[in-house]
N, C-alpha and C. Protein backbone atom coordinates (compact mmCIF):
# COMPACT_ATOMS: atom_id res chain seq x y z
N MET A 1 -9.08 -4.50 -7.82
CA MET A 1 -8.26 -3.31 -7.80
C MET A 1 -6.93 -3.68 -8.43
N HIS A 2 -6.38 -2.74 -9.16
CA HIS A 2 -5.04 -2.92 -9.72
C HIS A 2 -4.13 -1.82 -9.16
N PHE A 3 -2.86 -1.92 -9.46
CA PHE A 3 -1.88 -0.97 -8.93
C PHE A 3 -1.04 -0.42 -10.06
N VAL A 4 -0.62 0.82 -9.89
CA VAL A 4 0.21 1.50 -10.88
C VAL A 4 1.57 1.74 -10.23
N THR A 5 2.61 1.21 -10.84
CA THR A 5 3.96 1.37 -10.30
C THR A 5 4.43 2.81 -10.50
N SER A 6 5.01 3.36 -9.47
CA SER A 6 5.52 4.72 -9.48
C SER A 6 6.87 4.72 -8.79
N LYS A 7 7.35 5.88 -8.40
CA LYS A 7 8.61 5.97 -7.66
C LYS A 7 8.43 6.92 -6.49
N LEU A 8 9.11 6.59 -5.39
CA LEU A 8 9.18 7.47 -4.24
C LEU A 8 10.53 7.20 -3.59
N ALA A 9 11.28 8.25 -3.32
CA ALA A 9 12.61 8.10 -2.72
C ALA A 9 12.52 7.27 -1.45
N GLY A 10 13.46 6.35 -1.30
CA GLY A 10 13.52 5.51 -0.11
C GLY A 10 12.79 4.17 -0.27
N TYR A 11 12.14 3.96 -1.41
CA TYR A 11 11.38 2.73 -1.64
C TYR A 11 11.86 2.06 -2.91
N VAL A 12 12.08 0.73 -2.82
CA VAL A 12 12.49 -0.02 -4.00
C VAL A 12 11.29 -0.34 -4.87
N LEU A 13 10.10 -0.30 -4.28
CA LEU A 13 8.85 -0.48 -5.01
C LEU A 13 7.83 0.46 -4.40
N PHE A 14 7.09 1.15 -5.24
CA PHE A 14 6.05 2.05 -4.77
C PHE A 14 4.91 1.97 -5.77
N CYS A 15 3.75 1.52 -5.32
CA CYS A 15 2.61 1.31 -6.20
C CYS A 15 1.39 2.05 -5.68
N LEU A 16 0.70 2.73 -6.58
CA LEU A 16 -0.50 3.49 -6.25
C LEU A 16 -1.75 2.70 -6.58
N THR A 17 -2.82 2.96 -5.83
CA THR A 17 -4.13 2.44 -6.20
C THR A 17 -4.62 3.23 -7.41
N PRO A 18 -5.66 2.76 -8.09
CA PRO A 18 -6.13 3.46 -9.29
C PRO A 18 -6.46 4.94 -9.08
N SER A 19 -7.01 5.29 -7.93
CA SER A 19 -7.38 6.69 -7.66
C SER A 19 -6.18 7.53 -7.22
N GLY A 20 -5.11 6.87 -6.80
CA GLY A 20 -3.95 7.58 -6.26
C GLY A 20 -4.14 8.03 -4.82
N ARG A 21 -5.22 7.58 -4.17
CA ARG A 21 -5.47 7.96 -2.77
C ARG A 21 -4.69 7.10 -1.78
N ALA A 22 -4.19 5.95 -2.24
CA ALA A 22 -3.45 5.04 -1.36
C ALA A 22 -2.28 4.45 -2.13
N ALA A 23 -1.33 3.89 -1.39
CA ALA A 23 -0.15 3.31 -2.02
C ALA A 23 0.45 2.24 -1.12
N ILE A 24 1.24 1.37 -1.75
CA ILE A 24 2.00 0.35 -1.04
C ILE A 24 3.46 0.57 -1.40
N GLY A 25 4.31 0.62 -0.39
CA GLY A 25 5.73 0.80 -0.62
C GLY A 25 6.53 -0.31 0.03
N LEU A 26 7.66 -0.64 -0.57
CA LEU A 26 8.58 -1.64 -0.03
C LEU A 26 9.95 -1.00 0.08
N THR A 27 10.53 -1.05 1.29
CA THR A 27 11.86 -0.48 1.51
C THR A 27 12.94 -1.53 1.23
N GLU A 28 14.17 -1.07 1.11
CA GLU A 28 15.30 -1.97 0.94
C GLU A 28 15.44 -2.90 2.14
N GLY A 29 15.03 -2.43 3.31
CA GLY A 29 15.07 -3.24 4.52
C GLY A 29 13.91 -4.21 4.63
N ARG A 30 13.12 -4.35 3.56
CA ARG A 30 11.99 -5.29 3.46
C ARG A 30 10.84 -4.95 4.39
N GLN A 31 10.62 -3.67 4.59
CA GLN A 31 9.42 -3.22 5.31
C GLN A 31 8.36 -2.85 4.28
N VAL A 32 7.14 -3.28 4.54
CA VAL A 32 6.00 -2.93 3.69
C VAL A 32 5.26 -1.79 4.38
N HIS A 33 4.93 -0.75 3.61
CA HIS A 33 4.21 0.41 4.12
C HIS A 33 2.90 0.54 3.34
N LEU A 34 1.82 0.74 4.05
CA LEU A 34 0.53 1.07 3.44
C LEU A 34 0.27 2.53 3.74
N PHE A 35 0.05 3.33 2.70
CA PHE A 35 -0.08 4.77 2.82
C PHE A 35 -1.45 5.26 2.37
N GLN A 36 -1.82 6.43 2.87
CA GLN A 36 -2.92 7.20 2.30
C GLN A 36 -2.38 8.58 1.96
N ARG A 37 -2.94 9.18 0.92
CA ARG A 37 -2.51 10.53 0.53
C ARG A 37 -3.37 11.54 1.27
N SER A 38 -2.71 12.51 1.91
CA SER A 38 -3.44 13.55 2.64
C SER A 38 -3.92 14.63 1.66
N ALA A 39 -4.72 15.54 2.15
CA ALA A 39 -5.29 16.60 1.32
C ALA A 39 -4.20 17.45 0.66
N ASP A 40 -3.05 17.58 1.32
CA ASP A 40 -1.97 18.40 0.75
C ASP A 40 -1.05 17.59 -0.18
N GLY A 41 -1.39 16.32 -0.42
CA GLY A 41 -0.63 15.48 -1.34
C GLY A 41 0.48 14.67 -0.70
N ALA A 42 0.71 14.86 0.59
CA ALA A 42 1.76 14.11 1.29
C ALA A 42 1.26 12.69 1.59
N TRP A 43 2.21 11.76 1.69
CA TRP A 43 1.86 10.37 2.02
C TRP A 43 1.92 10.18 3.53
N GLN A 44 0.86 9.62 4.10
CA GLN A 44 0.78 9.32 5.53
C GLN A 44 0.72 7.81 5.70
N SER A 45 1.53 7.30 6.59
CA SER A 45 1.58 5.87 6.83
C SER A 45 0.34 5.41 7.60
N LEU A 46 -0.29 4.37 7.08
CA LEU A 46 -1.42 3.75 7.78
C LEU A 46 -0.97 2.54 8.59
N ARG A 47 0.01 1.81 8.05
CA ARG A 47 0.50 0.61 8.73
C ARG A 47 1.85 0.22 8.13
N VAL A 48 2.73 -0.33 8.96
CA VAL A 48 4.06 -0.79 8.53
C VAL A 48 4.28 -2.18 9.13
N TRP A 49 4.87 -3.09 8.34
CA TRP A 49 5.19 -4.43 8.84
C TRP A 49 6.34 -4.99 8.02
N GLN A 50 6.92 -6.05 8.52
CA GLN A 50 8.02 -6.73 7.84
C GLN A 50 7.46 -7.60 6.71
N ALA A 51 8.14 -7.61 5.58
CA ALA A 51 7.66 -8.35 4.41
C ALA A 51 7.64 -9.85 4.62
N ASP A 52 8.38 -10.35 5.60
CA ASP A 52 8.34 -11.80 5.83
C ASP A 52 7.05 -12.23 6.53
N THR A 53 6.26 -11.29 7.05
CA THR A 53 4.96 -11.64 7.63
C THR A 53 3.86 -11.60 6.56
N ILE A 54 3.81 -10.51 5.80
CA ILE A 54 2.93 -10.39 4.63
C ILE A 54 3.73 -9.62 3.58
N SER A 55 4.03 -10.26 2.48
CA SER A 55 4.82 -9.59 1.45
C SER A 55 3.97 -8.57 0.70
N HIS A 56 4.62 -7.63 0.06
CA HIS A 56 3.90 -6.65 -0.75
C HIS A 56 3.14 -7.35 -1.87
N THR A 57 3.72 -8.42 -2.41
CA THR A 57 3.06 -9.17 -3.48
C THR A 57 1.80 -9.84 -2.97
N ASP A 58 1.88 -10.49 -1.82
CA ASP A 58 0.70 -11.14 -1.24
C ASP A 58 -0.40 -10.12 -0.95
N LEU A 59 0.01 -8.95 -0.46
CA LEU A 59 -0.97 -7.90 -0.17
C LEU A 59 -1.66 -7.44 -1.45
N MET A 60 -0.88 -7.16 -2.48
CA MET A 60 -1.48 -6.69 -3.74
C MET A 60 -2.38 -7.75 -4.36
N LEU A 61 -1.99 -9.02 -4.25
CA LEU A 61 -2.85 -10.09 -4.75
C LEU A 61 -4.16 -10.16 -3.98
N ALA A 62 -4.08 -10.03 -2.65
CA ALA A 62 -5.29 -10.06 -1.82
C ALA A 62 -6.20 -8.87 -2.14
N LEU A 63 -5.62 -7.69 -2.30
CA LEU A 63 -6.42 -6.50 -2.60
C LEU A 63 -6.97 -6.53 -4.02
N GLY A 64 -6.33 -7.27 -4.90
CA GLY A 64 -6.78 -7.37 -6.28
C GLY A 64 -8.16 -7.96 -6.43
N ASN A 65 -8.62 -8.67 -5.42
CA ASN A 65 -9.96 -9.27 -5.44
C ASN A 65 -11.05 -8.32 -4.97
N HIS A 66 -10.70 -7.07 -4.68
CA HIS A 66 -11.65 -6.10 -4.13
C HIS A 66 -11.64 -4.81 -4.96
N ASP A 67 -12.76 -4.11 -4.89
CA ASP A 67 -12.80 -2.76 -5.45
C ASP A 67 -12.09 -1.82 -4.49
N GLU A 68 -11.52 -0.75 -5.02
CA GLU A 68 -10.86 0.22 -4.16
C GLU A 68 -11.89 0.96 -3.33
N PRO A 69 -11.73 0.97 -2.00
CA PRO A 69 -12.68 1.72 -1.16
C PRO A 69 -12.49 3.23 -1.32
N ASP A 70 -13.56 3.98 -1.08
CA ASP A 70 -13.47 5.44 -1.16
C ASP A 70 -12.53 6.01 -0.10
N ASP A 71 -12.54 5.40 1.08
CA ASP A 71 -11.67 5.83 2.17
C ASP A 71 -10.46 4.89 2.24
N PRO A 72 -9.25 5.39 2.00
CA PRO A 72 -8.07 4.54 2.03
C PRO A 72 -7.90 3.77 3.34
N LYS A 73 -8.39 4.30 4.44
CA LYS A 73 -8.27 3.60 5.73
C LYS A 73 -9.02 2.27 5.71
N ARG A 74 -10.00 2.13 4.83
CA ARG A 74 -10.75 0.87 4.71
C ARG A 74 -9.87 -0.25 4.15
N LEU A 75 -8.76 0.12 3.52
CA LEU A 75 -7.82 -0.91 3.06
C LEU A 75 -7.28 -1.72 4.22
N LEU A 76 -7.19 -1.11 5.38
CA LEU A 76 -6.71 -1.82 6.58
C LEU A 76 -7.61 -3.02 6.89
N ASP A 77 -8.89 -2.92 6.58
CA ASP A 77 -9.81 -4.03 6.81
C ASP A 77 -9.49 -5.21 5.89
N LEU A 78 -8.82 -4.94 4.78
CA LEU A 78 -8.54 -5.96 3.79
C LEU A 78 -7.15 -6.56 3.89
N VAL A 79 -6.29 -5.97 4.73
CA VAL A 79 -4.93 -6.50 4.91
C VAL A 79 -5.04 -7.82 5.67
N PRO A 80 -4.47 -8.90 5.10
CA PRO A 80 -4.52 -10.17 5.82
C PRO A 80 -3.94 -10.07 7.22
N LYS A 81 -4.58 -10.72 8.16
CA LYS A 81 -4.11 -10.71 9.55
C LYS A 81 -2.91 -11.65 9.70
N VAL A 82 -1.99 -11.27 10.56
CA VAL A 82 -0.80 -12.08 10.80
C VAL A 82 -0.96 -12.84 12.09
């Protein structure tokens, strides 16, 4: 899986999955957010953690070894455990 860099207010980095159904965001406060897009196009948080436990870069590298799942919630299965 690869990621497409985009923009979202409140995030210093915001990257979409190829389908645009999920995204990873990084705040200025170094919080990593894993999102899924709802039917109305809004972003819903699936999980939030501090970047010093798993950085956004480490997460994207880990997910890069997998195909994008049809259900964004399945990405939670691929997030490295802390």
